[in-house]
Amino acid sequence: IASLTGYFMSHGVSDQALASHKAIVAVAASLRKQANIMAFSDTFFLIGIALIIALSSSLILKKPAHLSGGAAH
């Protein structure tokens, strides 16, 4: 936070409180972006696991018995 505050102070923000606020907002935005990426990754992983389970369970199922055709109309 201190280094970002210094960065904002050296780039035109004259008030230290405003520079500190901008630094906190910048860190929060970075954290939010990283959290969204991690959430997407976790969701993709869970969907992949669900598909693997569905595929393996479909391979275990028995094939249906052959049914005779219905009566002709």
N, C-alpha and C. Protein backbone atom coordinates (compact mmCIF):
# COMPACT_ATOMS: atom_id res chain seq x y z
N ILE A 1 0.85 -1.19 0.00
CA ILE A 1 0.00 0.00 0.00
C ILE A 1 0.89 1.25 0.00
N ALA A 2 1.95 1.20 0.81
CA ALA A 2 2.82 2.37 0.92
C ALA A 2 3.51 2.68 -0.41
N SER A 3 3.95 1.65 -1.12
CA SER A 3 4.62 1.90 -2.39
C SER A 3 3.64 2.42 -3.43
N LEU A 4 2.42 1.91 -3.43
CA LEU A 4 1.42 2.44 -4.36
C LEU A 4 1.01 3.86 -3.99
N THR A 5 0.94 4.15 -2.70
CA THR A 5 0.65 5.52 -2.27
C THR A 5 1.74 6.45 -2.77
N GLY A 6 2.99 6.04 -2.62
CA GLY A 6 4.10 6.84 -3.13
C GLY A 6 4.04 7.00 -4.64
N TYR A 7 3.66 5.94 -5.33
CA TYR A 7 3.53 6.02 -6.78
C TYR A 7 2.47 7.05 -7.17
N PHE A 8 1.31 7.00 -6.52
CA PHE A 8 0.25 7.96 -6.85
C PHE A 8 0.65 9.38 -6.46
N MET A 9 1.38 9.53 -5.36
CA MET A 9 1.83 10.87 -4.95
C MET A 9 2.82 11.43 -5.97
N SER A 10 3.67 10.58 -6.53
CA SER A 10 4.65 11.06 -7.50
C SER A 10 4.05 11.27 -8.88
N HIS A 11 2.84 10.80 -9.10
CA HIS A 11 2.19 10.96 -10.40
C HIS A 11 0.99 11.90 -10.34
N GLY A 12 1.07 12.91 -9.52
CA GLY A 12 0.10 13.99 -9.59
C GLY A 12 -0.95 14.06 -8.51
N VAL A 13 -1.05 13.09 -7.61
CA VAL A 13 -2.02 13.17 -6.52
C VAL A 13 -1.33 13.88 -5.36
N SER A 14 -1.84 15.06 -4.99
CA SER A 14 -1.15 15.86 -3.98
C SER A 14 -1.57 15.52 -2.55
N ASP A 15 -2.76 14.96 -2.37
CA ASP A 15 -3.26 14.63 -1.04
C ASP A 15 -2.89 13.19 -0.70
N GLN A 16 -2.25 13.01 0.47
CA GLN A 16 -1.81 11.67 0.84
C GLN A 16 -2.99 10.75 1.13
N ALA A 17 -4.06 11.28 1.70
CA ALA A 17 -5.24 10.46 1.99
C ALA A 17 -5.87 9.95 0.69
N LEU A 18 -5.93 10.82 -0.32
CA LEU A 18 -6.48 10.41 -1.61
C LEU A 18 -5.57 9.39 -2.29
N ALA A 19 -4.26 9.62 -2.19
CA ALA A 19 -3.31 8.66 -2.77
C ALA A 19 -3.41 7.31 -2.07
N SER A 20 -3.57 7.32 -0.76
CA SER A 20 -3.73 6.07 -0.02
C SER A 20 -5.03 5.37 -0.41
N HIS A 21 -6.09 6.14 -0.57
CA HIS A 21 -7.38 5.57 -1.00
C HIS A 21 -7.24 4.96 -2.39
N LYS A 22 -6.58 5.66 -3.30
CA LYS A 22 -6.37 5.12 -4.65
C LYS A 22 -5.55 3.84 -4.61
N ALA A 23 -4.57 3.78 -3.71
CA ALA A 23 -3.75 2.57 -3.58
C ALA A 23 -4.60 1.41 -3.09
N ILE A 24 -5.45 1.65 -2.12
CA ILE A 24 -6.32 0.59 -1.60
C ILE A 24 -7.30 0.13 -2.68
N VAL A 25 -7.84 1.06 -3.45
CA VAL A 25 -8.75 0.71 -4.53
C VAL A 25 -8.02 -0.11 -5.60
N ALA A 26 -6.77 0.25 -5.90
CA ALA A 26 -6.00 -0.50 -6.90
C ALA A 26 -5.73 -1.92 -6.43
N VAL A 27 -5.38 -2.08 -5.15
CA VAL A 27 -5.14 -3.42 -4.60
C VAL A 27 -6.44 -4.23 -4.61
N ALA A 28 -7.54 -3.60 -4.24
CA ALA A 28 -8.83 -4.29 -4.23
C ALA A 28 -9.23 -4.73 -5.64
N ALA A 29 -8.98 -3.88 -6.63
CA ALA A 29 -9.30 -4.25 -8.02
C ALA A 29 -8.45 -5.43 -8.48
N SER A 30 -7.19 -5.42 -8.11
CA SER A 30 -6.31 -6.53 -8.48
C SER A 30 -6.75 -7.82 -7.80
N LEU A 31 -7.11 -7.74 -6.53
CA LEU A 31 -7.59 -8.92 -5.81
C LEU A 31 -8.89 -9.45 -6.41
N ARG A 32 -9.78 -8.55 -6.77
CA ARG A 32 -11.06 -8.96 -7.36
C ARG A 32 -10.82 -9.68 -8.69
N LYS A 33 -9.90 -9.14 -9.50
CA LYS A 33 -9.60 -9.77 -10.78
C LYS A 33 -9.03 -11.17 -10.58
N GLN A 34 -8.10 -11.31 -9.64
CA GLN A 34 -7.50 -12.61 -9.37
C GLN A 34 -8.53 -13.59 -8.80
N ALA A 35 -9.42 -13.10 -7.96
CA ALA A 35 -10.46 -13.96 -7.39
C ALA A 35 -11.41 -14.45 -8.47
N ASN A 36 -11.75 -13.59 -9.42
CA ASN A 36 -12.62 -14.01 -10.52
C ASN A 36 -11.95 -15.07 -11.38
N ILE A 37 -10.67 -14.91 -11.65
CA ILE A 37 -9.94 -15.89 -12.44
C ILE A 37 -9.89 -17.23 -11.71
N MET A 38 -9.62 -17.19 -10.41
CA MET A 38 -9.56 -18.43 -9.63
C MET A 38 -10.94 -19.10 -9.55
N ALA A 39 -11.99 -18.31 -9.43
CA ALA A 39 -13.34 -18.87 -9.38
C ALA A 39 -13.70 -19.53 -10.70
N PHE A 40 -13.33 -18.90 -11.81
CA PHE A 40 -13.58 -19.50 -13.12
C PHE A 40 -12.82 -20.81 -13.26
N SER A 41 -11.58 -20.82 -12.81
CA SER A 41 -10.76 -22.03 -12.88
C SER A 41 -11.37 -23.15 -12.05
N ASP A 42 -11.81 -22.82 -10.84
CA ASP A 42 -12.42 -23.83 -9.97
C ASP A 42 -13.72 -24.37 -10.57
N THR A 43 -14.52 -23.49 -11.15
CA THR A 43 -15.78 -23.90 -11.76
C THR A 43 -15.51 -24.81 -12.96
N PHE A 44 -14.54 -24.45 -13.78
CA PHE A 44 -14.17 -25.27 -14.92
C PHE A 44 -13.71 -26.65 -14.46
N PHE A 45 -12.93 -26.70 -13.39
CA PHE A 45 -12.46 -27.96 -12.83
C PHE A 45 -13.62 -28.82 -12.36
N LEU A 46 -14.56 -28.22 -11.62
CA LEU A 46 -15.70 -28.97 -11.10
C LEU A 46 -16.61 -29.48 -12.22
N ILE A 47 -16.80 -28.69 -13.26
CA ILE A 47 -17.60 -29.15 -14.39
C ILE A 47 -16.90 -30.31 -15.09
N GLY A 48 -15.59 -30.25 -15.20
CA GLY A 48 -14.83 -31.36 -15.78
C GLY A 48 -14.97 -32.63 -14.97
N ILE A 49 -14.90 -32.51 -13.65
CA ILE A 49 -15.08 -33.68 -12.78
C ILE A 49 -16.49 -34.25 -12.95
N ALA A 50 -17.49 -33.38 -13.01
CA ALA A 50 -18.87 -33.85 -13.19
C ALA A 50 -19.03 -34.57 -14.53
N LEU A 51 -18.39 -34.08 -15.57
CA LEU A 51 -18.48 -34.74 -16.87
C LEU A 51 -17.77 -36.09 -16.85
N ILE A 52 -16.65 -36.18 -16.17
CA ILE A 52 -15.95 -37.46 -16.06
C ILE A 52 -16.80 -38.47 -15.30
N ILE A 53 -17.44 -38.04 -14.22
CA ILE A 53 -18.33 -38.93 -13.46
C ILE A 53 -19.51 -39.37 -14.32
N ALA A 54 -20.09 -38.44 -15.07
CA ALA A 54 -21.23 -38.79 -15.93
C ALA A 54 -20.80 -39.77 -17.02
N LEU A 55 -19.64 -39.56 -17.61
CA LEU A 55 -19.16 -40.46 -18.65
C LEU A 55 -18.88 -41.85 -18.09
N SER A 56 -18.22 -41.90 -16.96
CA SER A 56 -17.91 -43.21 -16.38
C SER A 56 -19.17 -43.94 -15.92
N SER A 57 -20.15 -43.21 -15.42
CA SER A 57 -21.40 -43.88 -15.01
C SER A 57 -22.19 -44.34 -16.22
N SER A 58 -22.09 -43.63 -17.34
CA SER A 58 -22.81 -44.08 -18.54
C SER A 58 -22.16 -45.32 -19.13
N LEU A 59 -20.87 -45.51 -18.92
CA LEU A 59 -20.20 -46.71 -19.41
C LEU A 59 -20.56 -47.93 -18.56
N ILE A 60 -20.92 -47.71 -17.31
CA ILE A 60 -21.26 -48.81 -16.41
C ILE A 60 -22.68 -49.32 -16.66
N LEU A 61 -23.56 -48.48 -17.17
CA LEU A 61 -24.96 -48.87 -17.37
C LEU A 61 -25.08 -50.03 -18.35
N LYS A 62 -26.09 -50.87 -18.14
CA LYS A 62 -26.35 -51.98 -19.05
C LYS A 62 -27.05 -51.46 -20.30
N LYS A 63 -26.80 -52.15 -21.39
CA LYS A 63 -27.51 -51.79 -22.62
C LYS A 63 -28.94 -52.30 -22.51
N PRO A 64 -29.92 -51.58 -23.01
CA PRO A 64 -31.31 -52.04 -22.90
C PRO A 64 -31.55 -53.28 -23.75
N ALA A 65 -32.47 -54.12 -23.29
CA ALA A 65 -32.83 -55.32 -24.05
C ALA A 65 -33.52 -54.91 -25.34
N HIS A 66 -33.38 -55.74 -26.36
CA HIS A 66 -34.01 -55.43 -27.65
C HIS A 66 -35.52 -55.61 -27.52
N LEU A 67 -36.23 -54.57 -27.83
CA LEU A 67 -37.69 -54.62 -27.75
C LEU A 67 -38.26 -54.92 -29.13
N SER A 68 -39.31 -55.71 -29.18
CA SER A 68 -39.93 -55.99 -30.48
C SER A 68 -40.66 -54.75 -30.97
N GLY A 69 -40.80 -54.66 -32.26
CA GLY A 69 -41.48 -53.52 -32.85
C GLY A 69 -42.95 -53.50 -32.48
N GLY A 70 -43.55 -52.36 -32.48
CA GLY A 70 -44.96 -52.24 -32.14
C GLY A 70 -45.83 -52.74 -33.28
N ALA A 71 -47.10 -52.86 -33.03
CA ALA A 71 -48.05 -53.32 -34.06
C ALA A 71 -48.15 -52.27 -35.15
N ALA A 72 -48.29 -52.74 -36.38
CA ALA A 72 -48.41 -51.82 -37.51
C ALA A 72 -49.80 -51.22 -37.54
N HIS A 73 -49.89 -50.04 -38.01
CA HIS A 73 -51.19 -49.37 -38.09
C HIS A 73 -51.82 -49.58 -39.41
